[in-house]
Amino acid sequence: MEQYLTSIRGNQALRERLGEELRSGLFPHAHIIEGASGFGKHLLATEIAMSLACESRTKAGTPLPCGTCRNCRRIKRGNCPDIITVSKGERATMGVETIRTLREGLATVPNDLDVKIYIIEDAHTMTVQAQNALLLTLEEPPSFVVFLLLAEDSGALLETVRSRAPTHRLQPIDRETMRDFLLTDTAARAAGAAGLATERPAEFEALLSLAAGSIGKALLLLDGEKRAPLIERISRVSELVNCLLDRKAPDRLLLALQALGTARDAVHADLSMLQLALRDLLLLGRTEQAALLFYTDTDAAAELATRFTGAGIFALSAAVDSALEALAANANVRLTIINLFNQLCTS
């Protein structure tokens, strides 16, 4: 089997599809790479750039990119003048002037490579005027130019832009792939991943859950100061689940809800995590093969799931959904928690 874009973890079908297009030379001039923050959009763009310029690109049976030729090494180091990164900088949106500046240098032929690649970061933040300006270029680009638009949400792009560039969605990677990455990657090991897995295995498992399939987020969570408040969130949510089982002690449930605090974003994050826990329990009530998003001990979670009914979990989840919608609509946080308490007690 051909080895394509091997720096990307998971996403096997996407890697094979892109790799075959890159190997054949039939690679469209514009692409949208979509994925949540930390999913590896920029890394994939770099791998694509290396593949387009790789000196072994047409050699079947060799990895693509090879990673060792002169072009691959220069692009990987970030010092190739034909790879142009376009950014919005500190601004909230990318305006039309940024795209106009891009277009001014568009016709200039590549310096070192046969191709010139524009990596447009945060493409979903482009204003309508910026997108329309880019559209003029996407329609008739120079033959040597490739555009890679990185977006968290391709739906924020105009339909006319999306119609001229296929969208490639990066998926969250599974738990075991994440574990393997953290325990074998040089940077992750240097950041303490192996030590954490050995010395505090429960915390390491919690990190895998918190990363939610994002390698970028997992690397951030190797920082103990960033991880600590999220570990505390797991503890609060676990207490809430236990309280939901003990309907004869409503005072305990009320205290657990009040422990969420009054900061809107923090309460929203806690309740969103509670939804993940309820989702796990619902799935475990139906199959032992569920891919868990909150719980790390499948056996313990499966035993916990037997103490809920499916209808009961649906009712609890509906109550939490109502609270999340209220918070998103700027409802009073304290009142939202009281309303949630009343709904949970009657669910």
Protein backbone atom coordinates (compact mmCIF):
# COMPACT_ATOMS: atom_id res chain seq x y z
CA MET A 1 0.00 0.00 0.00
CA GLU A 2 1.25 3.47 -0.89
CA GLN A 3 2.30 5.72 2.00
CA TYR A 4 0.71 9.14 1.69
CA LEU A 5 0.88 12.19 3.98
CA THR A 6 2.21 10.09 6.84
CA SER A 7 2.66 12.95 9.29
CA ILE A 8 -1.14 13.10 9.54
CA ARG A 9 -2.58 10.70 12.11
CA GLY A 10 -5.85 8.92 11.38
CA ASN A 11 -7.93 10.17 8.42
CA GLN A 12 -6.77 7.22 6.33
CA ALA A 13 -9.38 7.56 3.56
CA LEU A 14 -8.65 11.29 3.16
CA ARG A 15 -4.90 10.69 3.03
CA GLU A 16 -5.26 8.01 0.36
CA ARG A 17 -7.59 10.11 -1.79
CA LEU A 18 -5.37 13.18 -1.65
CA GLY A 19 -2.23 11.09 -2.08
CA GLU A 20 -3.49 9.49 -5.26
CA GLU A 21 -4.40 12.90 -6.72
CA LEU A 22 -1.00 14.29 -5.78
CA ARG A 23 0.83 11.30 -7.24
CA SER A 24 -1.12 11.46 -10.51
CA GLY A 25 -0.52 15.17 -11.01
CA LEU A 26 -4.27 15.76 -11.33
CA PHE A 27 -4.47 17.97 -8.28
CA PRO A 28 -6.99 20.85 -8.54
CA HIS A 29 -5.66 24.38 -8.12
CA ALA A 30 -7.73 25.14 -4.99
CA HIS A 31 -8.76 23.16 -1.91
CA ILE A 32 -10.58 23.83 1.35
CA ILE A 33 -9.20 22.01 4.39
CA GLU A 34 -11.79 21.98 7.14
CA GLY A 35 -11.44 20.94 10.77
CA ALA A 36 -11.68 22.15 14.33
CA SER A 37 -8.77 23.93 15.98
CA GLY A 38 -5.95 21.49 16.69
CA PHE A 39 -7.07 18.90 14.12
CA GLY A 40 -3.97 19.44 11.94
CA LYS A 41 -5.15 21.69 9.11
CA HIS A 42 -1.82 23.52 8.80
CA LEU A 43 0.15 20.29 9.05
CA LEU A 44 -1.92 18.78 6.24
CA ALA A 45 -1.38 21.91 4.13
CA THR A 46 2.37 21.59 4.69
CA GLU A 47 2.30 17.90 3.75
CA ILE A 48 0.39 18.75 0.56
CA ALA A 49 2.90 21.48 -0.30
CA MET A 50 5.78 19.08 0.25
CA SER A 51 4.06 16.48 -1.92
CA LEU A 52 3.50 18.94 -4.79
CA ALA A 53 7.17 19.91 -4.72
CA CYS A 54 8.66 16.51 -3.78
CA GLU A 55 11.42 15.36 -6.12
CA SER A 56 10.13 11.77 -5.77
CA ARG A 57 6.49 12.68 -6.42
CA THR A 58 6.08 10.49 -9.50
CA LYS A 59 7.97 7.47 -8.14
CA ALA A 60 5.43 4.82 -7.22
CA GLY A 61 6.28 2.85 -4.09
CA THR A 62 8.04 5.74 -2.37
CA PRO A 63 6.37 7.70 0.43
CA LEU A 64 4.71 10.96 -0.62
CA PRO A 65 6.06 13.34 0.45
CA CYS A 66 9.43 11.66 0.86
CA GLY A 67 10.46 14.19 3.51
CA THR A 68 14.14 13.89 2.62
CA CYS A 69 14.64 15.65 -0.71
CA ARG A 70 15.81 19.26 -0.85
CA ASN A 71 12.36 20.64 -1.57
CA CYS A 72 10.68 18.68 1.21
CA ARG A 73 13.30 19.74 3.74
CA ARG A 74 13.03 23.43 2.83
CA ILE A 75 9.25 23.46 3.04
CA LYS A 76 9.27 21.57 6.33
CA ARG A 77 11.73 24.11 7.79
CA GLY A 78 9.47 26.93 6.61
CA ASN A 79 12.07 28.73 4.51
CA CYS A 80 10.78 28.19 0.97
CA PRO A 81 9.80 31.49 -0.70
CA ASP A 82 7.23 29.75 -2.91
CA ILE A 83 5.05 28.76 0.06
CA ILE A 84 3.15 31.90 1.04
CA THR A 85 1.08 31.95 4.22
CA VAL A 86 -1.75 34.49 4.30
CA SER A 87 -3.02 35.40 7.77
CA LYS A 88 -5.52 37.79 9.31
CA GLY A 89 -2.97 38.63 12.01
CA GLU A 90 -4.51 40.06 15.18
CA ARG A 91 -7.71 41.13 13.42
CA ALA A 92 -11.01 39.36 13.96
CA THR A 93 -11.64 39.03 10.23
CA MET A 94 -9.61 38.89 7.05
CA GLY A 95 -10.41 41.93 4.94
CA VAL A 96 -10.34 42.63 1.24
CA GLU A 97 -6.98 44.46 1.42
CA THR A 98 -5.26 41.22 2.48
CA ILE A 99 -6.59 39.44 -0.61
CA ARG A 100 -5.73 42.38 -2.86
CA THR A 101 -2.14 42.20 -1.59
CA LEU A 102 -2.13 38.47 -2.35
CA ARG A 103 -3.30 39.12 -5.89
CA GLU A 104 -0.58 41.69 -6.55
CA GLY A 105 2.13 39.04 -6.42
CA LEU A 106 0.11 36.27 -8.00
CA ALA A 107 1.56 36.48 -11.52
CA THR A 108 5.17 36.33 -10.31
CA VAL A 109 6.61 32.95 -11.24
CA PRO A 110 7.97 30.64 -8.50
CA ASN A 111 11.53 31.17 -7.30
CA ASP A 112 12.68 27.61 -6.54
CA LEU A 113 9.78 25.26 -7.22
CA ASP A 114 7.56 24.51 -10.18
CA VAL A 115 4.57 25.58 -8.12
CA LYS A 116 3.62 28.48 -5.87
CA ILE A 117 1.33 27.61 -2.97
CA TYR A 118 -0.81 30.04 -0.99
CA ILE A 119 -1.92 28.79 2.44
CA ILE A 120 -4.81 31.00 3.59
CA GLU A 121 -5.24 30.57 7.34
CA ASP A 122 -8.62 31.15 9.05
CA ALA A 123 -10.30 31.37 5.66
CA HIS A 124 -13.69 31.19 7.38
CA THR A 125 -13.04 34.70 8.75
CA MET A 126 -12.78 36.33 5.32
CA THR A 127 -15.29 39.10 4.79
CA VAL A 128 -17.73 38.84 1.89
CA GLN A 129 -15.69 41.47 0.04
CA ALA A 130 -12.49 39.48 0.62
CA GLN A 131 -14.13 36.28 -0.60
CA ASN A 132 -15.41 37.96 -3.73
CA ALA A 133 -11.93 39.34 -4.41
CA LEU A 134 -10.47 35.85 -3.98
CA LEU A 135 -13.17 34.41 -6.22
CA LEU A 136 -11.85 36.42 -9.16
CA THR A 137 -8.51 34.69 -8.69
CA LEU A 138 -9.95 31.22 -8.14
CA GLU A 139 -11.76 31.43 -11.46
CA GLU A 140 -8.62 31.97 -13.56
CA PRO A 141 -5.45 31.42 -11.53
CA PRO A 142 -1.97 31.16 -13.07
CA SER A 143 -1.22 27.55 -13.98
CA PHE A 144 1.55 27.28 -11.37
CA VAL A 145 -0.56 28.45 -8.38
CA VAL A 146 -2.35 26.28 -5.78
CA PHE A 147 -4.57 27.67 -3.03
CA LEU A 148 -5.12 25.85 0.28
CA LEU A 149 -7.89 27.48 2.33
CA LEU A 150 -7.86 26.43 6.00
CA ALA A 151 -11.25 26.79 7.67
CA GLU A 152 -12.86 25.68 10.90
CA ASP A 153 -16.26 25.95 9.22
CA SER A 154 -16.43 25.83 5.44
CA GLY A 155 -20.09 26.85 5.70
CA ALA A 156 -18.87 30.38 6.43
CA LEU A 157 -17.51 30.56 2.88
CA LEU A 158 -19.64 31.72 -0.03
CA GLU A 159 -21.17 28.97 -2.13
CA THR A 160 -19.36 30.41 -5.14
CA VAL A 161 -16.03 29.92 -3.36
CA ARG A 162 -16.91 26.39 -2.20
CA SER A 163 -17.94 25.44 -5.73
CA ARG A 164 -14.42 26.12 -7.00
CA ALA A 165 -12.52 24.18 -4.34
CA PRO A 166 -13.24 20.67 -3.02
CA THR A 167 -13.61 20.50 0.76
CA HIS A 168 -11.54 17.98 2.74
CA ARG A 169 -12.75 17.46 6.32
CA LEU A 170 -10.26 16.35 8.94
CA GLN A 171 -11.90 13.98 11.42
CA PRO A 172 -11.07 13.58 15.12
CA ILE A 173 -8.65 10.73 15.67
CA ASP A 174 -9.60 7.75 17.79
CA ARG A 175 -8.42 7.23 21.35
CA GLU A 176 -5.83 4.53 20.60
CA THR A 177 -4.27 6.54 17.78
CA MET A 178 -4.07 9.52 20.14
CA ARG A 179 -2.46 7.37 22.82
CA ASP A 180 0.11 6.01 20.37
CA PHE A 181 0.93 9.52 19.14
CA LEU A 182 1.48 10.94 22.64
CA LEU A 183 3.67 8.03 23.67
CA THR A 184 5.83 7.94 20.52
CA ASP A 185 6.01 11.51 19.21
CA THR A 186 9.28 13.20 20.16
CA ALA A 187 7.70 16.54 21.09
CA ALA A 188 4.92 14.90 23.10
CA ARG A 189 7.38 12.76 25.04
CA ALA A 190 9.53 15.82 25.72
CA ALA A 191 6.42 17.56 27.08
CA GLY A 192 5.94 14.75 29.59
CA ALA A 193 3.35 12.48 27.98
CA ALA A 194 5.14 9.23 28.79
CA GLY A 195 5.79 10.28 32.37
CA LEU A 196 2.16 11.27 32.86
CA ALA A 197 0.96 7.93 31.47
CA THR A 198 3.27 6.03 33.82
CA GLU A 199 3.00 8.11 36.99
CA ARG A 200 -0.62 9.32 36.81
CA PRO A 201 -2.43 6.95 34.44
CA ALA A 202 -5.93 8.08 35.45
CA GLU A 203 -5.01 11.67 34.61
CA PHE A 204 -3.51 10.56 31.31
CA GLU A 205 -6.75 8.77 30.43
CA ALA A 206 -8.69 11.90 31.34
CA LEU A 207 -6.43 13.91 29.00
CA LEU A 208 -7.28 11.54 26.15
CA SER A 209 -10.97 12.19 26.77
CA LEU A 210 -10.54 15.93 27.08
CA ALA A 211 -8.58 16.12 23.82
CA ALA A 212 -11.74 14.98 21.97
CA GLY A 213 -9.74 13.66 19.01
CA SER A 214 -7.58 16.78 18.61
CA ILE A 215 -3.81 16.26 18.72
CA GLY A 216 -3.31 20.02 19.04
CA LYS A 217 -5.55 20.10 22.12
CA ALA A 218 -3.84 17.03 23.59
CA LEU A 219 -0.44 18.71 23.29
CA LEU A 220 -1.78 21.81 25.06
CA LEU A 221 -3.21 19.66 27.85
CA LEU A 222 0.21 18.18 28.57
CA ASP A 223 0.74 21.49 30.37
CA GLY A 224 -0.41 20.74 33.91
CA GLU A 225 -1.69 24.26 34.50
CA LYS A 226 -3.98 24.04 31.47
CA ARG A 227 -5.05 20.51 32.35
CA ALA A 228 -5.89 21.07 36.02
CA PRO A 229 -9.13 23.06 35.59
CA LEU A 230 -10.40 20.53 33.06
CA ILE A 231 -9.65 17.65 35.41
CA GLU A 232 -11.67 19.53 38.03
CA ARG A 233 -14.49 19.82 35.47
CA ILE A 234 -14.49 16.04 35.03
CA SER A 235 -14.79 15.67 38.80
CA ARG A 236 -17.75 18.07 38.96
CA VAL A 237 -19.55 16.29 36.12
CA SER A 238 -18.92 12.87 37.68
CA GLU A 239 -20.45 14.13 40.92
CA LEU A 240 -23.47 15.39 39.00
CA VAL A 241 -24.00 11.98 37.40
CA ASN A 242 -23.80 10.31 40.82
CA CYS A 243 -26.31 12.80 42.17
CA LEU A 244 -28.70 12.01 39.35
CA LEU A 245 -28.67 8.39 40.51
CA ASP A 246 -29.49 9.35 44.10
CA ARG A 247 -32.94 10.91 43.69
CA LYS A 248 -33.57 10.61 47.43
CA ALA A 249 -30.97 13.30 48.14
CA PRO A 250 -32.07 16.38 46.14
CA ASP A 251 -30.03 18.63 48.42
CA ARG A 252 -26.87 16.89 47.17
CA LEU A 253 -27.91 17.49 43.56
CA LEU A 254 -28.59 21.16 44.26
CA LEU A 255 -25.16 21.57 45.88
CA ALA A 256 -23.51 19.87 42.90
CA LEU A 257 -25.28 22.22 40.49
CA GLN A 258 -24.39 25.27 42.58
CA ALA A 259 -20.76 24.12 42.54
CA LEU A 260 -20.75 24.88 38.81
CA GLY A 261 -20.55 28.57 39.74
CA THR A 262 -22.08 31.53 37.95
CA ALA A 263 -19.63 32.17 35.10
CA ARG A 264 -21.72 31.60 31.98
CA ASP A 265 -19.00 30.07 29.79
CA ALA A 266 -17.78 27.76 32.56
CA VAL A 267 -21.29 26.54 33.39
CA HIS A 268 -21.97 26.00 29.69
CA ALA A 269 -18.76 23.96 29.37
CA ASP A 270 -19.64 21.83 32.44
CA LEU A 271 -23.15 21.09 31.15
CA SER A 272 -21.80 20.31 27.68
CA MET A 273 -19.48 17.76 29.28
CA LEU A 274 -22.43 16.36 31.25
CA GLN A 275 -24.13 15.76 27.91
CA LEU A 276 -21.12 13.72 26.79
CA ALA A 277 -21.38 11.60 29.96
CA LEU A 278 -25.10 11.00 29.39
CA ARG A 279 -24.40 10.15 25.76
CA ASP A 280 -21.84 7.53 26.84
CA LEU A 281 -24.27 5.97 29.32
CA LEU A 282 -27.04 5.83 26.73
CA LEU A 283 -24.81 4.10 24.19
CA LEU A 284 -23.45 1.65 26.77
CA GLY A 285 -27.00 0.70 27.59
CA ARG A 286 -27.32 -0.51 24.01
CA THR A 287 -23.88 -1.86 23.09
CA GLU A 288 -20.61 -2.72 24.78
CA GLN A 289 -18.68 -1.49 21.74
CA ALA A 290 -19.51 2.20 22.18
CA ALA A 291 -16.69 4.69 21.52
CA LEU A 292 -16.71 6.72 24.74
CA LEU A 293 -16.19 10.47 24.85
CA PHE A 294 -16.33 11.11 28.61
CA TYR A 295 -15.67 7.90 30.53
CA THR A 296 -12.26 6.25 30.50
CA ASP A 297 -13.14 3.01 32.33
CA THR A 298 -15.54 1.15 30.04
CA ASP A 299 -16.42 -1.55 32.58
CA ALA A 300 -17.22 0.94 35.34
CA ALA A 301 -19.22 3.11 32.95
CA ALA A 302 -21.15 0.06 31.69
CA GLU A 303 -22.08 -0.86 35.26
CA LEU A 304 -23.19 2.71 35.85
CA ALA A 305 -25.29 2.62 32.68
CA THR A 306 -27.33 -0.31 34.04
CA ARG A 307 -28.63 1.96 36.79
CA PHE A 308 -30.31 4.29 34.30
CA THR A 309 -33.13 3.63 31.87
CA GLY A 310 -32.90 4.79 28.28
CA ALA A 311 -36.01 6.92 28.72
CA GLY A 312 -34.55 8.40 31.88
CA ILE A 313 -31.33 9.42 30.15
CA PHE A 314 -33.28 10.99 27.29
CA ALA A 315 -35.29 13.05 29.82
CA LEU A 316 -32.15 14.14 31.66
CA SER A 317 -30.44 15.05 28.40
CA ALA A 318 -33.46 17.09 27.31
CA ALA A 319 -33.33 19.04 30.57
CA VAL A 320 -29.62 19.78 30.10
CA ASP A 321 -30.28 20.81 26.48
CA SER A 322 -32.86 23.32 27.69
CA ALA A 323 -30.35 24.78 30.14
CA LEU A 324 -27.69 25.07 27.44
CA GLU A 325 -30.12 26.84 25.14
CA ALA A 326 -31.07 29.23 27.93
CA LEU A 327 -27.42 30.05 28.62
CA ALA A 328 -26.79 30.61 24.91
CA ALA A 329 -29.78 33.00 24.89
CA ASN A 330 -28.15 35.00 27.72
CA ALA A 331 -30.57 33.85 30.44
CA ASN A 332 -29.67 34.51 34.07
CA VAL A 333 -27.19 31.82 35.12
CA ARG A 334 -28.50 31.33 38.67
CA LEU A 335 -32.10 31.09 37.46
CA THR A 336 -31.06 28.65 34.74
CA ILE A 337 -29.44 26.38 37.32
CA ILE A 338 -32.54 26.47 39.54
CA ASN A 339 -34.75 25.64 36.56
CA LEU A 340 -32.42 22.81 35.62
CA PHE A 341 -32.55 21.48 39.19
CA ASN A 342 -36.34 21.40 39.07
CA GLN A 343 -36.36 19.63 35.71
CA LEU A 344 -33.77 17.06 36.76
CA CYS A 345 -35.72 16.27 39.93
CA THR A 346 -38.82 15.49 37.90
CA SER A 347 -37.17 13.75 34.94
